[in-house]
Amino acid sequence: GVLVGAHKESIAHGGALIVVGPQPRVRKILK
């Protein structure tokens, strides 16, 4: 939820959220 909210807010401010280095368990959740 934090990541989704930050992504939406970044776009609203003209920016972008970039996620770097997710570990295997976290990457699996993202997938």
Full PDB file with SEQRES, HELIX, SHEET, SSBOND, CRYST1, ORIGX, SCALE, CONECT and MASTER records, all heavy atoms in Angstrom:
SEQRES   1 A   31  GLY VAL LEU VAL GLY ALA HIS LYS GLU SER ILE ALA HIS          
SEQRES   2 A   31  GLY GLY ALA LEU ILE VAL VAL GLY PRO GLN PRO ARG VAL          
SEQRES   3 A   31  ARG LYS ILE LEU LYS                                          
HELIX    1 AA1 VAL A    2  ALA A   12  1                                  11    
HELIX    2 AA2 PRO A   24  LEU A   30  1                                   7    
CRYST1    1.000    1.000    1.000  90.00  90.00  90.00 P 1           1          
ORIGX1      1.000000  0.000000  0.000000        0.00000                         
ORIGX2      0.000000  1.000000  0.000000        0.00000                         
ORIGX3      0.000000  0.000000  1.000000        0.00000                         
SCALE1      1.000000  0.000000  0.000000        0.00000                         
SCALE2      0.000000  1.000000  0.000000        0.00000                         
SCALE3      0.000000  0.000000  1.000000        0.00000                         
ATOM      1  N   GLY A   1       0.816  -1.207   0.000  1.00  0.00           N  
ATOM      2  CA  GLY A   1       0.000   0.000   0.000  1.00  0.00           C  
ATOM      3  C   GLY A   1       0.851   1.260   0.000  1.00  0.00           C  
ATOM      4  O   GLY A   1       0.520   2.240  -0.674  1.00  0.00           O  
ATOM      5  N   VAL A   2       1.948   1.244   0.732  1.00  0.00           N  
ATOM      6  CA  VAL A   2       2.867   2.387   0.741  1.00  0.00           C  
ATOM      7  C   VAL A   2       3.425   2.612  -0.665  1.00  0.00           C  
ATOM      8  O   VAL A   2       3.463   3.745  -1.151  1.00  0.00           O  
ATOM      9  CB  VAL A   2       4.017   2.171   1.751  1.00  0.00           C  
ATOM     10  CG1 VAL A   2       5.076   3.255   1.606  1.00  0.00           C  
ATOM     11  CG2 VAL A   2       3.487   2.132   3.163  1.00  0.00           C  
ATOM     12  N   LEU A   3       3.843   1.542  -1.328  1.00  0.00           N  
ATOM     13  CA  LEU A   3       4.407   1.659  -2.668  1.00  0.00           C  
ATOM     14  C   LEU A   3       3.376   2.177  -3.666  1.00  0.00           C  
ATOM     15  O   LEU A   3       3.671   3.061  -4.477  1.00  0.00           O  
ATOM     16  CB  LEU A   3       4.971   0.313  -3.140  1.00  0.00           C  
ATOM     17  CG  LEU A   3       6.436   0.040  -2.811  1.00  0.00           C  
ATOM     18  CD1 LEU A   3       6.710   0.064  -1.332  1.00  0.00           C  
ATOM     19  CD2 LEU A   3       6.870  -1.279  -3.410  1.00  0.00           C  
ATOM     20  N   VAL A   4       2.163   1.638  -3.613  1.00  0.00           N  
ATOM     21  CA  VAL A   4       1.108   2.081  -4.537  1.00  0.00           C  
ATOM     22  C   VAL A   4       0.782   3.552  -4.294  1.00  0.00           C  
ATOM     23  O   VAL A   4       0.672   4.344  -5.237  1.00  0.00           O  
ATOM     24  CB  VAL A   4      -0.158   1.196  -4.398  1.00  0.00           C  
ATOM     25  CG1 VAL A   4      -1.325   1.797  -5.154  1.00  0.00           C  
ATOM     26  CG2 VAL A   4       0.128  -0.215  -4.898  1.00  0.00           C  
ATOM     27  N   GLY A   5       0.643   3.934  -3.026  1.00  0.00           N  
ATOM     28  CA  GLY A   5       0.349   5.327  -2.709  1.00  0.00           C  
ATOM     29  C   GLY A   5       1.455   6.261  -3.163  1.00  0.00           C  
ATOM     30  O   GLY A   5       1.199   7.330  -3.726  1.00  0.00           O  
ATOM     31  N   ALA A   6       2.710   5.873  -2.933  1.00  0.00           N  
ATOM     32  CA  ALA A   6       3.846   6.697  -3.354  1.00  0.00           C  
ATOM     33  C   ALA A   6       3.906   6.811  -4.873  1.00  0.00           C  
ATOM     34  O   ALA A   6       4.227   7.874  -5.416  1.00  0.00           O  
ATOM     35  CB  ALA A   6       5.149   6.114  -2.810  1.00  0.00           C  
ATOM     36  N   HIS A   7       3.589   5.722  -5.557  1.00  0.00           N  
ATOM     37  CA  HIS A   7       3.568   5.740  -7.022  1.00  0.00           C  
ATOM     38  C   HIS A   7       2.528   6.748  -7.526  1.00  0.00           C  
ATOM     39  O   HIS A   7       2.836   7.603  -8.362  1.00  0.00           O  
ATOM     40  CB  HIS A   7       3.256   4.333  -7.542  1.00  0.00           C  
ATOM     41  CG  HIS A   7       3.012   4.252  -9.008  1.00  0.00           C  
ATOM     42  ND1 HIS A   7       4.027   4.364  -9.929  1.00  0.00           N  
ATOM     43  CD2 HIS A   7       1.873   4.086  -9.713  1.00  0.00           C  
ATOM     44  CE1 HIS A   7       3.514   4.259 -11.146  1.00  0.00           C  
ATOM     45  NE2 HIS A   7       2.208   4.091 -11.036  1.00  0.00           N  
ATOM     46  N   LYS A   8       1.316   6.680  -7.002  1.00  0.00           N  
ATOM     47  CA  LYS A   8       0.246   7.588  -7.422  1.00  0.00           C  
ATOM     48  C   LYS A   8       0.594   9.038  -7.109  1.00  0.00           C  
ATOM     49  O   LYS A   8       0.406   9.928  -7.933  1.00  0.00           O  
ATOM     50  CB  LYS A   8      -1.074   7.225  -6.737  1.00  0.00           C  
ATOM     51  CG  LYS A   8      -1.703   5.961  -7.263  1.00  0.00           C  
ATOM     52  CD  LYS A   8      -3.013   5.691  -6.534  1.00  0.00           C  
ATOM     53  CE  LYS A   8      -3.709   4.474  -7.079  1.00  0.00           C  
ATOM     54  NZ  LYS A   8      -4.990   4.240  -6.397  1.00  0.00           N  
ATOM     55  N   GLU A   9       1.090   9.286  -5.897  1.00  0.00           N  
ATOM     56  CA  GLU A   9       1.426  10.651  -5.493  1.00  0.00           C  
ATOM     57  C   GLU A   9       2.600  11.199  -6.302  1.00  0.00           C  
ATOM     58  O   GLU A   9       2.621  12.385  -6.637  1.00  0.00           O  
ATOM     59  CB  GLU A   9       1.741  10.702  -3.998  1.00  0.00           C  
ATOM     60  CG  GLU A   9       0.522  10.493  -3.119  1.00  0.00           C  
ATOM     61  CD  GLU A   9      -0.493  11.625  -3.236  1.00  0.00           C  
ATOM     62  OE1 GLU A   9      -0.093  12.802  -3.297  1.00  0.00           O  
ATOM     63  OE2 GLU A   9      -1.691  11.310  -3.275  1.00  0.00           O  
ATOM     64  N   SER A  10       3.576  10.360  -6.614  1.00  0.00           N  
ATOM     65  CA  SER A  10       4.705  10.807  -7.432  1.00  0.00           C  
ATOM     66  C   SER A  10       4.231  11.264  -8.802  1.00  0.00           C  
ATOM     67  O   SER A  10       4.649  12.317  -9.293  1.00  0.00           O  
ATOM     68  CB  SER A  10       5.739   9.685  -7.598  1.00  0.00           C  
ATOM     69  OG  SER A  10       6.418   9.449  -6.402  1.00  0.00           O  
ATOM     70  N   ILE A  11       3.371  10.474  -9.405  1.00  0.00           N  
ATOM     71  CA  ILE A  11       2.834  10.837 -10.717  1.00  0.00           C  
ATOM     72  C   ILE A  11       2.047  12.142 -10.632  1.00  0.00           C  
ATOM     73  O   ILE A  11       2.184  13.021 -11.474  1.00  0.00           O  
ATOM     74  CB  ILE A  11       1.981   9.692 -11.287  1.00  0.00           C  
ATOM     75  CG1 ILE A  11       2.883   8.514 -11.656  1.00  0.00           C  
ATOM     76  CG2 ILE A  11       1.165  10.150 -12.486  1.00  0.00           C  
ATOM     77  CD1 ILE A  11       2.148   7.254 -12.032  1.00  0.00           C  
ATOM     78  N   ALA A  12       1.251  12.294  -9.579  1.00  0.00           N  
ATOM     79  CA  ALA A  12       0.461  13.517  -9.398  1.00  0.00           C  
ATOM     80  C   ALA A  12       1.351  14.751  -9.247  1.00  0.00           C  
ATOM     81  O   ALA A  12       0.937  15.856  -9.594  1.00  0.00           O  
ATOM     82  CB  ALA A  12      -0.455  13.376  -8.184  1.00  0.00           C  
ATOM     83  N   HIS A  13       2.568  14.570  -8.742  1.00  0.00           N  
ATOM     84  CA  HIS A  13       3.503  15.677  -8.578  1.00  0.00           C  
ATOM     85  C   HIS A  13       4.447  15.822  -9.780  1.00  0.00           C  
ATOM     86  O   HIS A  13       5.412  16.574  -9.718  1.00  0.00           O  
ATOM     87  CB  HIS A  13       4.331  15.484  -7.302  1.00  0.00           C  
ATOM     88  CG  HIS A  13       3.589  15.803  -6.052  1.00  0.00           C  
ATOM     89  ND1 HIS A  13       2.725  14.911  -5.453  1.00  0.00           N  
ATOM     90  CD2 HIS A  13       3.563  16.923  -5.299  1.00  0.00           C  
ATOM     91  CE1 HIS A  13       2.213  15.479  -4.377  1.00  0.00           C  
ATOM     92  NE2 HIS A  13       2.697  16.692  -4.254  1.00  0.00           N  
ATOM     93  N   GLY A  14       4.185  15.074 -10.847  1.00  0.00           N  
ATOM     94  CA  GLY A  14       5.019  15.155 -12.042  1.00  0.00           C  
ATOM     95  C   GLY A  14       6.302  14.355 -11.958  1.00  0.00           C  
ATOM     96  O   GLY A  14       7.205  14.542 -12.766  1.00  0.00           O  
ATOM     97  N   GLY A  15       6.398  13.461 -10.996  1.00  0.00           N  
ATOM     98  CA  GLY A  15       7.592  12.646 -10.826  1.00  0.00           C  
ATOM     99  C   GLY A  15       7.319  11.193 -11.150  1.00  0.00           C  
ATOM    100  O   GLY A  15       6.389  10.872 -11.891  1.00  0.00           O  
ATOM    101  N   ALA A  16       8.138  10.331 -10.579  1.00  0.00           N  
ATOM    102  CA  ALA A  16       7.992   8.893 -10.797  1.00  0.00           C  
ATOM    103  C   ALA A  16       8.614   8.152  -9.623  1.00  0.00           C  
ATOM    104  O   ALA A  16       9.611   8.602  -9.058  1.00  0.00           O  
ATOM    105  CB  ALA A  16       8.693   8.475 -12.087  1.00  0.00           C  
ATOM    106  N   LEU A  17       8.004   7.035  -9.261  1.00  0.00           N  
ATOM    107  CA  LEU A  17       8.581   6.159  -8.246  1.00  0.00           C  
ATOM    108  C   LEU A  17       9.357   5.064  -8.966  1.00  0.00           C  
ATOM    109  O   LEU A  17       8.841   4.427  -9.878  1.00  0.00           O  
ATOM    110  CB  LEU A  17       7.489   5.521  -7.376  1.00  0.00           C  
ATOM    111  CG  LEU A  17       7.995   4.536  -6.329  1.00  0.00           C  
ATOM    112  CD1 LEU A  17       8.756   5.265  -5.227  1.00  0.00           C  
ATOM    113  CD2 LEU A  17       6.859   3.734  -5.734  1.00  0.00           C  
ATOM    114  N   ILE A  18      10.595   4.879  -8.550  1.00  0.00           N  
ATOM    115  CA  ILE A  18      11.447   3.831  -9.115  1.00  0.00           C  
ATOM    116  C   ILE A  18      11.840   2.901  -7.977  1.00  0.00           C  
ATOM    117  O   ILE A  18      12.392   3.346  -6.968  1.00  0.00           O  
ATOM    118  CB  ILE A  18      12.698   4.423  -9.779  1.00  0.00           C  
ATOM    119  CG1 ILE A  18      12.284   5.374 -10.910  1.00  0.00           C  
ATOM    120  CG2 ILE A  18      13.613   3.321 -10.295  1.00  0.00           C  
ATOM    121  CD1 ILE A  18      13.428   6.162 -11.501  1.00  0.00           C  
ATOM    122  N   VAL A  19      11.523   1.626  -8.121  1.00  0.00           N  
ATOM    123  CA  VAL A  19      11.832   0.622  -7.102  1.00  0.00           C  
ATOM    124  C   VAL A  19      13.112  -0.099  -7.518  1.00  0.00           C  
ATOM    125  O   VAL A  19      13.233  -0.562  -8.652  1.00  0.00           O  
ATOM    126  CB  VAL A  19      10.670  -0.384  -6.938  1.00  0.00           C  
ATOM    127  CG1 VAL A  19      11.031  -1.463  -5.930  1.00  0.00           C  
ATOM    128  CG2 VAL A  19       9.397   0.341  -6.536  1.00  0.00           C  
ATOM    129  N   VAL A  20      14.050  -0.175  -6.588  1.00  0.00           N  
ATOM    130  CA  VAL A  20      15.350  -0.783  -6.884  1.00  0.00           C  
ATOM    131  C   VAL A  20      15.651  -1.884  -5.878  1.00  0.00           C  
ATOM    132  O   VAL A  20      15.383  -1.738  -4.684  1.00  0.00           O  
ATOM    133  CB  VAL A  20      16.465   0.288  -6.813  1.00  0.00           C  
ATOM    134  CG1 VAL A  20      17.832  -0.335  -7.008  1.00  0.00           C  
ATOM    135  CG2 VAL A  20      16.230   1.368  -7.838  1.00  0.00           C  
ATOM    136  N   GLY A  21      16.210  -2.984  -6.373  1.00  0.00           N  
ATOM    137  CA  GLY A  21      16.771  -4.033  -5.529  1.00  0.00           C  
ATOM    138  C   GLY A  21      15.820  -4.879  -4.722  1.00  0.00           C  
ATOM    139  O   GLY A  21      16.196  -5.322  -3.633  1.00  0.00           O  
ATOM    140  N   PRO A  22      14.604  -5.146  -5.214  1.00  0.00           N  
ATOM    141  CA  PRO A  22      13.740  -6.007  -4.399  1.00  0.00           C  
ATOM    142  C   PRO A  22      14.345  -7.405  -4.260  1.00  0.00           C  
ATOM    143  O   PRO A  22      14.784  -7.985  -5.248  1.00  0.00           O  
ATOM    144  CB  PRO A  22      12.419  -6.037  -5.166  1.00  0.00           C  
ATOM    145  CG  PRO A  22      12.767  -5.682  -6.564  1.00  0.00           C  
ATOM    146  CD  PRO A  22      13.976  -4.794  -6.486  1.00  0.00           C  
ATOM    147  N   GLN A  23      14.375  -7.899  -3.038  1.00  0.00           N  
ATOM    148  CA  GLN A  23      14.889  -9.235  -2.755  1.00  0.00           C  
ATOM    149  C   GLN A  23      13.907 -10.278  -3.309  1.00  0.00           C  
ATOM    150  O   GLN A  23      12.756  -9.953  -3.626  1.00  0.00           O  
ATOM    151  CB  GLN A  23      15.102  -9.402  -1.260  1.00  0.00           C  
ATOM    152  CG  GLN A  23      16.153  -8.460  -0.708  1.00  0.00           C  
ATOM    153  CD  GLN A  23      17.496  -8.651  -1.398  1.00  0.00           C  
ATOM    154  OE1 GLN A  23      18.043  -9.743  -1.419  1.00  0.00           O  
ATOM    155  NE2 GLN A  23      18.025  -7.580  -1.977  1.00  0.00           N  
ATOM    156  N   PRO A  24      14.322 -11.541  -3.443  1.00  0.00           N  
ATOM    157  CA  PRO A  24      13.469 -12.550  -4.075  1.00  0.00           C  
ATOM    158  C   PRO A  24      12.039 -12.631  -3.513  1.00  0.00           C  
ATOM    159  O   PRO A  24      11.081 -12.711  -4.288  1.00  0.00           O  
ATOM    160  CB  PRO A  24      14.227 -13.855  -3.852  1.00  0.00           C  
ATOM    161  CG  PRO A  24      15.666 -13.428  -3.812  1.00  0.00           C  
ATOM    162  CD  PRO A  24      15.648 -12.092  -3.123  1.00  0.00           C  
ATOM    163  N   ARG A  25      11.874 -12.583  -2.197  1.00  0.00           N  
ATOM    164  CA  ARG A  25      10.521 -12.672  -1.624  1.00  0.00           C  
ATOM    165  C   ARG A  25       9.690 -11.448  -1.995  1.00  0.00           C  
ATOM    166  O   ARG A  25       8.504 -11.561  -2.306  1.00  0.00           O  
ATOM    167  CB  ARG A  25      10.586 -12.827  -0.106  1.00  0.00           C  
ATOM    168  CG  ARG A  25      11.084 -14.199   0.325  1.00  0.00           C  
ATOM    169  CD  ARG A  25      11.287 -14.301   1.819  1.00  0.00           C  
ATOM    170  NE  ARG A  25      10.027 -14.165   2.537  1.00  0.00           N  
ATOM    171  CZ  ARG A  25       9.940 -14.111   3.854  1.00  0.00           C  
ATOM    172  NH1 ARG A  25      11.036 -14.168   4.587  1.00  0.00           N  
ATOM    173  NH2 ARG A  25       8.786 -13.999   4.436  1.00  0.00           N  
ATOM    174  N   VAL A  26      10.310 -10.288  -1.947  1.00  0.00           N  
ATOM    175  CA  VAL A  26       9.599  -9.052  -2.282  1.00  0.00           C  
ATOM    176  C   VAL A  26       9.294  -9.012  -3.779  1.00  0.00           C  
ATOM    177  O   VAL A  26       8.193  -8.648  -4.196  1.00  0.00           O  
ATOM    178  CB  VAL A  26      10.410  -7.814  -1.836  1.00  0.00           C  
ATOM    179  CG1 VAL A  26       9.762  -6.528  -2.319  1.00  0.00           C  
ATOM    180  CG2 VAL A  26      10.571  -7.814  -0.315  1.00  0.00           C  
ATOM    181  N   ARG A  27      10.250  -9.409  -4.599  1.00  0.00           N  
ATOM    182  CA  ARG A  27      10.022  -9.436  -6.051  1.00  0.00           C  
ATOM    183  C   ARG A  27       8.875 -10.391  -6.391  1.00  0.00           C  
ATOM    184  O   ARG A  27       8.060 -10.110  -7.266  1.00  0.00           O  
ATOM    185  CB  ARG A  27      11.281  -9.837  -6.808  1.00  0.00           C  
ATOM    186  CG  ARG A  27      11.072  -9.730  -8.330  1.00  0.00           C  
ATOM    187  CD  ARG A  27      12.328  -9.950  -9.114  1.00  0.00           C  
ATOM    188  NE  ARG A  27      13.220  -8.835  -9.185  1.00  0.00           N  
ATOM    189  CZ  ARG A  27      13.120  -7.813 -10.022  1.00  0.00           C  
ATOM    190  NH1 ARG A  27      12.099  -7.736 -10.831  1.00  0.00           N  
ATOM    191  NH2 ARG A  27      14.014  -6.864 -10.043  1.00  0.00           N  
ATOM    192  N   LYS A  28       8.805 -11.516  -5.685  1.00  0.00           N  
ATOM    193  CA  LYS A  28       7.728 -12.478  -5.911  1.00  0.00           C  
ATOM    194  C   LYS A  28       6.371 -11.845  -5.605  1.00  0.00           C  
ATOM    195  O   LYS A  28       5.403 -12.032  -6.355  1.00  0.00           O  
ATOM    196  CB  LYS A  28       7.936 -13.735  -5.058  1.00  0.00           C  
ATOM    197  CG  LYS A  28       6.930 -14.823  -5.312  1.00  0.00           C  
ATOM    198  CD  LYS A  28       7.263 -16.071  -4.510  1.00  0.00           C  
ATOM    199  CE  LYS A  28       6.264 -17.175  -4.796  1.00  0.00           C  
ATOM    200  NZ  LYS A  28       6.565 -18.388  -4.033  1.00  0.00           N  
ATOM    201  N   ILE A  29       6.293 -11.074  -4.526  1.00  0.00           N  
ATOM    202  CA  ILE A  29       5.043 -10.382  -4.185  1.00  0.00           C  
ATOM    203  C   ILE A  29       4.681  -9.384  -5.282  1.00  0.00           C  
ATOM    204  O   ILE A  29       3.515  -9.287  -5.693  1.00  0.00           O  
ATOM    205  CB  ILE A  29       5.175  -9.677  -2.815  1.00  0.00           C  
ATOM    206  CG1 ILE A  29       5.264 -10.714  -1.704  1.00  0.00           C  
ATOM    207  CG2 ILE A  29       4.010  -8.725  -2.576  1.00  0.00           C  
ATOM    208  CD1 ILE A  29       5.662 -10.131  -0.359  1.00  0.00           C  
ATOM    209  N   LEU A  30       5.677  -8.642  -5.769  1.00  0.00           N  
ATOM    210  CA  LEU A  30       5.414  -7.680  -6.852  1.00  0.00           C  
ATOM    211  C   LEU A  30       4.931  -8.390  -8.115  1.00  0.00           C  
ATOM    212  O   LEU A  30       4.060  -7.880  -8.820  1.00  0.00           O  
ATOM    213  CB  LEU A  30       6.668  -6.858  -7.147  1.00  0.00           C  
ATOM    214  CG  LEU A  30       7.155  -5.934  -6.032  1.00  0.00           C  
ATOM    215  CD1 LEU A  30       8.474  -5.275  -6.433  1.00  0.00           C  
ATOM    216  CD2 LEU A  30       6.105  -4.896  -5.688  1.00  0.00           C  
ATOM    217  N   LYS A  31       5.486  -9.571  -8.364  1.00  0.00           N  
ATOM    218  CA  LYS A  31       5.084 -10.328  -9.550  1.00  0.00           C  
ATOM    219  C   LYS A  31       3.668 -10.890  -9.395  1.00  0.00           C  
ATOM    220  O   LYS A  31       2.846 -10.781 -10.305  1.00  0.00           O  
ATOM    221  CB  LYS A  31       6.082 -11.461  -9.804  1.00  0.00           C  
ATOM    222  CG  LYS A  31       5.813 -12.212 -11.079  1.00  0.00           C  
ATOM    223  CD  LYS A  31       6.899 -13.230 -11.362  1.00  0.00           C  
ATOM    224  CE  LYS A  31       6.633 -13.883 -12.701  1.00  0.00           C  
ATOM    225  NZ  LYS A  31       7.704 -14.792 -13.093  1.00  0.00           N  
TER     226      LYS A  31                                                      
MASTER        0    0    0    2    0    0    0    6  225    1    0    3          
END                                                                             
